[in-house]
Amino acid sequence: MFYASGFEYHTDGKSAEFFPKYNYPKIEKENLIKLCKQSVETICQQATKLNESEKVLFVHNEIVRNFRYGNKYEGDSQTIVGPLIKGIGTCKGFSMLVKLFFDYLGVESIVVCGDAKEAATDKIEPHAWNIVKVGGFWFHMDVTFDTTLRNGNLMRYDYYKLSDEQIKNDHFYDESEYPSCWISTEDYFTKNKLVMHDVEQFSSYFIKCMKDNKQEIAVKLPDTMIGLDTGQKVMDICMKCLEKERTSGAVNISFNKNRQVFHITLNLNR
């Protein structure tokens, strides 16, 4: 319940009375409940006829595309009110909203409470994300991290349908408290053949993207290929591809080191 933050109780040793602590006055609370229900119905009605896997993708994309990460509204940002009504929320608000959407769509999910490491600073802080059941199997999904990674038009799937092993690099939690997520072949990059195993494969894919006039691409490159000097090596490969195709232009690269995912933007001179 987003409108209650806890409770007080009084007891005489034989019985107890509980008194909820409400975050809003009664009229505001009732209006917010009504607004939240209307918003959930409006958004999720689009996905009611989809299959289970499509519903999971819909919820991920809906949040990553349309909501922003931030704590602008303090307490509200920590609940569904922040992202759902005001468009801005924190990991707690996002993970609760994901569960609310899945509940409406009949998809089983759980909010995970643990810690996570920021890719840019390596700082570890309390964090919340989701585990969702798809086709009888459980997977991790962190829409907060994918939302903060998205800095262009390209949808990010760095933290979509991951196994326990795949998310361990930067997410930490008590595994004994949650279902096991053991399948590691359903993540976006493996499923869509975007894991590049050598320089030749990556170069061929990059040149194809150039010819298809793609302005943004995301690929996963293993340590065995990129080595230690990650960004510079990938940039060198990209520039060699431009030279090979006799094309000039700007290439910008960002790197999610914890998932080994490169986001590349192209601005080519045609």
Protein backbone atom coordinates (compact mmCIF):
# COMPACT_ATOMS: atom_id res chain seq x y z
CA MET A 1 0.00 0.00 0.00
CA PHE A 2 1.73 3.20 -1.17
CA TYR A 3 -0.44 5.36 1.06
CA ALA A 4 0.74 3.79 4.34
CA SER A 5 4.31 3.85 5.64
CA GLY A 6 3.91 1.73 8.74
CA PHE A 7 1.84 1.47 11.88
CA GLU A 8 1.75 1.97 15.62
CA TYR A 9 0.12 -0.37 18.09
CA HIS A 10 -1.01 -0.39 21.69
CA THR A 11 -1.45 -3.50 23.79
CA ASP A 12 -2.58 -4.35 27.27
CA GLY A 13 -0.96 -7.78 27.14
CA LYS A 14 -4.20 -9.51 26.15
CA SER A 15 -5.12 -7.69 22.95
CA ALA A 16 -3.61 -5.11 20.61
CA GLU A 17 -4.86 -2.21 18.53
CA PHE A 18 -3.05 -1.25 15.31
CA PHE A 19 -3.02 2.29 13.91
CA PRO A 20 -1.69 2.76 10.35
CA LYS A 21 0.54 5.75 9.58
CA TYR A 22 -0.86 7.32 6.43
CA ASN A 23 1.25 9.31 3.99
CA TYR A 24 -1.67 11.39 2.69
CA PRO A 25 -4.89 12.94 3.98
CA LYS A 26 -7.97 10.77 3.32
CA ILE A 27 -9.27 12.68 0.28
CA GLU A 28 -5.82 12.85 -1.37
CA LYS A 29 -5.27 9.16 -0.66
CA GLU A 30 -8.58 8.21 -2.31
CA ASN A 31 -7.82 10.39 -5.34
CA LEU A 32 -4.36 8.83 -5.73
CA ILE A 33 -5.77 5.30 -5.49
CA LYS A 34 -8.26 6.17 -8.22
CA LEU A 35 -5.57 7.75 -10.43
CA CYS A 36 -3.22 4.78 -9.99
CA LYS A 37 -5.93 2.27 -10.88
CA GLN A 38 -6.88 4.25 -13.98
CA SER A 39 -3.24 4.57 -15.09
CA VAL A 40 -2.52 0.85 -14.60
CA GLU A 41 -5.63 -0.11 -16.55
CA THR A 42 -4.86 2.34 -19.38
CA ILE A 43 -1.29 1.09 -19.76
CA CYS A 44 -1.85 -2.63 -19.23
CA GLN A 45 -5.01 -2.94 -21.33
CA GLN A 46 -2.70 -2.78 -24.35
CA ALA A 47 -1.05 -6.04 -23.26
CA THR A 48 -3.93 -8.20 -21.98
CA LYS A 49 -4.08 -10.31 -25.15
CA LEU A 50 -0.34 -10.90 -25.39
CA ASN A 51 1.26 -14.18 -24.35
CA GLU A 52 3.29 -14.39 -21.15
CA SER A 53 6.66 -13.69 -22.73
CA GLU A 54 5.27 -10.74 -24.68
CA LYS A 55 3.72 -9.30 -21.51
CA VAL A 56 7.09 -9.37 -19.76
CA LEU A 57 8.74 -7.57 -22.68
CA PHE A 58 5.87 -5.05 -22.77
CA VAL A 59 6.26 -4.15 -19.09
CA HIS A 60 10.04 -3.78 -19.41
CA ASN A 61 9.80 -1.55 -22.47
CA GLU A 62 6.92 0.53 -21.12
CA ILE A 63 8.86 1.53 -18.02
CA VAL A 64 12.29 1.98 -19.65
CA ARG A 65 10.78 4.05 -22.47
CA ASN A 66 8.37 6.28 -20.56
CA PHE A 67 9.63 6.80 -17.00
CA ARG A 68 12.69 8.56 -15.60
CA TYR A 69 14.91 7.67 -12.67
CA GLY A 70 15.16 10.21 -9.85
CA ASN A 71 14.16 11.15 -6.32
CA LYS A 72 12.63 14.52 -7.17
CA TYR A 73 9.44 13.83 -5.25
CA GLU A 74 11.14 12.27 -2.21
CA GLY A 75 8.60 9.93 -0.55
CA ASP A 76 6.44 9.58 -3.67
CA SER A 77 9.45 8.50 -5.75
CA GLN A 78 9.87 5.53 -3.41
CA THR A 79 6.37 4.25 -4.23
CA ILE A 80 4.34 3.61 -7.38
CA VAL A 81 3.04 7.19 -7.20
CA GLY A 82 6.39 8.63 -8.31
CA PRO A 83 6.79 6.81 -11.65
CA LEU A 84 3.12 6.08 -12.36
CA ILE A 85 1.64 9.53 -11.63
CA LYS A 86 4.60 11.88 -11.79
CA GLY A 87 6.85 10.03 -14.24
CA ILE A 88 9.88 9.86 -11.94
CA GLY A 89 10.85 7.17 -9.44
CA THR A 90 13.63 5.31 -7.70
CA CYS A 91 14.45 1.60 -7.82
CA LYS A 92 11.93 0.93 -5.05
CA GLY A 93 9.14 2.72 -6.92
CA PHE A 94 10.09 1.06 -10.22
CA SER A 95 10.23 -2.47 -8.79
CA MET A 96 6.88 -2.03 -7.04
CA LEU A 97 5.35 -0.71 -10.26
CA VAL A 98 6.72 -3.67 -12.25
CA LYS A 99 5.05 -6.03 -9.80
CA LEU A 100 1.79 -4.08 -9.98
CA PHE A 101 1.77 -4.30 -13.80
CA PHE A 102 2.56 -8.02 -13.69
CA ASP A 103 -0.16 -8.62 -11.09
CA TYR A 104 -2.68 -6.94 -13.38
CA LEU A 105 -1.50 -9.01 -16.35
CA GLY A 106 -1.45 -12.30 -14.43
CA VAL A 107 2.33 -12.78 -14.52
CA GLU A 108 4.03 -14.06 -11.36
CA SER A 109 6.79 -11.81 -10.03
CA ILE A 110 8.70 -10.85 -6.89
CA VAL A 111 10.41 -7.68 -5.67
CA VAL A 112 14.04 -8.43 -4.73
CA CYS A 113 15.69 -6.35 -2.01
CA GLY A 114 19.48 -6.33 -1.91
CA ASP A 115 22.43 -4.16 -3.01
CA ALA A 116 23.88 -3.20 -6.36
CA LYS A 117 27.08 -1.68 -7.71
CA GLU A 118 26.93 1.40 -9.92
CA ALA A 119 28.77 0.86 -13.19
CA ALA A 120 30.28 4.35 -13.24
CA THR A 121 31.53 4.56 -9.65
CA ASP A 122 31.58 0.95 -8.35
CA LYS A 123 29.72 2.30 -5.31
CA ILE A 124 27.51 -0.33 -3.66
CA GLU A 125 24.13 0.86 -2.38
CA PRO A 126 20.76 -0.65 -1.36
CA HIS A 127 18.75 -1.59 -4.43
CA ALA A 128 15.52 -3.24 -5.51
CA TRP A 129 14.66 -5.09 -8.73
CA ASN A 130 12.40 -7.95 -9.83
CA ILE A 131 12.37 -11.66 -10.46
CA VAL A 132 9.71 -12.73 -12.97
CA LYS A 133 8.39 -16.14 -13.98
CA VAL A 134 8.28 -16.79 -17.73
CA GLY A 135 7.42 -20.18 -19.22
CA GLY A 136 7.74 -21.81 -15.83
CA PHE A 137 11.25 -20.45 -15.17
CA TRP A 138 12.42 -17.49 -13.11
CA PHE A 139 14.56 -14.61 -14.41
CA HIS A 140 15.99 -11.37 -13.03
CA MET A 141 14.83 -8.08 -14.56
CA ASP A 142 16.13 -4.68 -13.47
CA VAL A 143 14.25 -1.88 -15.23
CA THR A 144 15.96 0.75 -13.09
CA PHE A 145 19.42 -0.08 -14.43
CA ASP A 146 18.14 -0.31 -18.01
CA THR A 147 16.38 3.05 -17.59
CA THR A 148 19.51 4.80 -16.32
CA LEU A 149 21.64 3.25 -19.09
CA ARG A 150 19.35 4.45 -21.89
CA ASN A 151 20.73 7.73 -23.24
CA GLY A 152 19.42 7.64 -26.79
CA ASN A 153 16.57 6.09 -28.76
CA LEU A 154 17.85 2.53 -28.48
CA MET A 155 16.05 0.39 -25.89
CA ARG A 156 18.43 -1.12 -23.35
CA TYR A 157 18.21 -4.80 -22.35
CA ASP A 158 21.39 -5.17 -20.30
CA TYR A 159 19.37 -6.46 -17.32
CA TYR A 160 16.51 -8.26 -19.03
CA LYS A 161 15.83 -11.95 -18.24
CA LEU A 162 19.13 -12.71 -16.53
CA SER A 163 20.16 -15.77 -14.55
CA ASP A 164 21.57 -15.67 -11.01
CA GLU A 165 25.06 -16.11 -12.44
CA GLN A 166 24.64 -13.32 -14.98
CA ILE A 167 23.42 -10.73 -12.48
CA LYS A 168 25.99 -11.53 -9.78
CA ASN A 169 28.62 -9.13 -11.15
CA ASP A 170 26.82 -6.08 -9.77
CA HIS A 171 23.73 -7.28 -7.84
CA PHE A 172 24.00 -8.81 -4.37
CA TYR A 173 21.22 -10.47 -2.39
CA ASP A 174 20.39 -13.47 -0.20
CA GLU A 175 19.78 -16.17 -2.81
CA SER A 176 18.18 -18.46 -0.21
CA GLU A 177 15.21 -16.08 0.03
CA TYR A 178 14.31 -16.15 -3.68
CA PRO A 179 13.59 -18.69 -6.43
CA SER A 180 16.58 -19.95 -8.40
CA CYS A 181 17.14 -18.30 -11.79
CA TRP A 182 19.39 -20.83 -13.47
CA ILE A 183 18.72 -20.48 -17.22
CA SER A 184 21.40 -18.32 -18.87
CA THR A 185 20.38 -18.53 -22.54
CA GLU A 186 17.33 -16.23 -22.48
CA ASP A 187 19.07 -12.88 -21.99
CA TYR A 188 18.56 -10.37 -24.80
CA PHE A 189 22.05 -10.57 -26.29
CA THR A 190 22.27 -14.36 -26.37
CA LYS A 191 18.71 -14.71 -27.67
CA ASN A 192 19.26 -12.18 -30.47
CA LYS A 193 22.77 -13.39 -31.40
CA LEU A 194 24.38 -10.13 -30.30
CA VAL A 195 27.23 -11.75 -28.39
CA MET A 196 30.32 -11.21 -30.55
CA HIS A 197 32.96 -13.91 -30.08
CA ASP A 198 35.81 -12.46 -32.13
CA VAL A 199 36.95 -9.35 -33.97
CA GLU A 200 35.88 -10.68 -37.37
CA GLN A 201 32.31 -11.34 -36.20
CA PHE A 202 32.04 -7.90 -34.60
CA SER A 203 33.52 -6.16 -37.64
CA SER A 204 31.06 -7.89 -39.98
CA TYR A 205 28.13 -6.94 -37.76
CA PHE A 206 29.32 -3.34 -37.42
CA ILE A 207 29.70 -2.95 -41.21
CA LYS A 208 26.21 -4.42 -41.72
CA CYS A 209 24.79 -1.86 -39.27
CA MET A 210 26.58 0.91 -41.17
CA LYS A 211 25.06 -0.25 -44.46
CA ASP A 212 21.62 -0.48 -42.82
CA ASN A 213 22.02 3.15 -41.67
CA LYS A 214 21.63 2.25 -38.01
CA GLN A 215 22.51 5.10 -35.69
CA GLU A 216 22.69 3.08 -32.48
CA ILE A 217 23.72 -0.49 -31.74
CA ALA A 218 24.35 -2.55 -28.61
CA VAL A 219 26.47 -5.69 -28.49
CA LYS A 220 28.07 -7.88 -25.86
CA LEU A 221 31.80 -8.53 -26.18
CA PRO A 222 33.56 -11.12 -24.01
CA ASP A 223 36.78 -10.43 -22.06
CA THR A 224 38.69 -12.85 -24.28
CA MET A 225 38.08 -10.54 -27.22
CA ILE A 226 38.42 -7.04 -25.81
CA GLY A 227 41.12 -7.52 -23.17
CA LEU A 228 41.93 -4.76 -20.70
CA ASP A 229 41.91 -1.63 -22.87
CA THR A 230 38.24 -2.11 -23.72
CA GLY A 231 37.01 1.21 -25.08
CA GLN A 232 40.06 2.00 -27.16
CA LYS A 233 40.21 -1.45 -28.74
CA VAL A 234 36.56 -1.34 -29.78
CA MET A 235 36.98 2.18 -31.12
CA ASP A 236 40.01 1.03 -33.18
CA ILE A 237 37.95 -1.80 -34.67
CA CYS A 238 35.11 0.60 -35.55
CA MET A 239 37.46 3.09 -37.21
CA LYS A 240 39.07 0.31 -39.27
CA CYS A 241 35.60 -0.68 -40.46
CA LEU A 242 34.88 2.90 -41.53
CA GLU A 243 38.18 3.02 -43.39
CA LYS A 244 37.48 -0.32 -45.07
CA GLU A 245 34.09 0.96 -46.30
CA ARG A 246 35.60 4.33 -47.27
CA THR A 247 33.21 6.11 -44.92
CA SER A 248 33.86 8.93 -42.45
CA GLY A 249 31.93 10.15 -39.44
CA ALA A 250 31.73 10.15 -35.66
CA VAL A 251 31.56 7.07 -33.48
CA ASN A 252 30.78 7.31 -29.74
CA ILE A 253 31.06 4.38 -27.36
CA SER A 254 29.75 3.77 -23.85
CA PHE A 255 30.54 0.60 -21.94
CA ASN A 256 28.64 -1.25 -19.22
CA LYS A 257 31.61 -3.16 -17.84
CA ASN A 258 29.55 -5.26 -15.43
CA ARG A 259 27.56 -6.77 -18.30
CA GLN A 260 30.28 -6.37 -20.97
CA VAL A 261 27.80 -4.48 -23.16
CA PHE A 262 28.88 -1.77 -25.59
CA HIS A 263 26.46 0.91 -26.73
CA ILE A 264 27.71 2.50 -29.96
CA THR A 265 26.26 5.56 -31.68
CA LEU A 266 27.04 6.30 -35.32
CA ASN A 267 26.89 9.65 -37.08
CA LEU A 268 28.23 8.88 -40.53
CA ASN A 269 28.86 11.23 -43.43
CA ARG A 270 26.86 10.02 -46.40
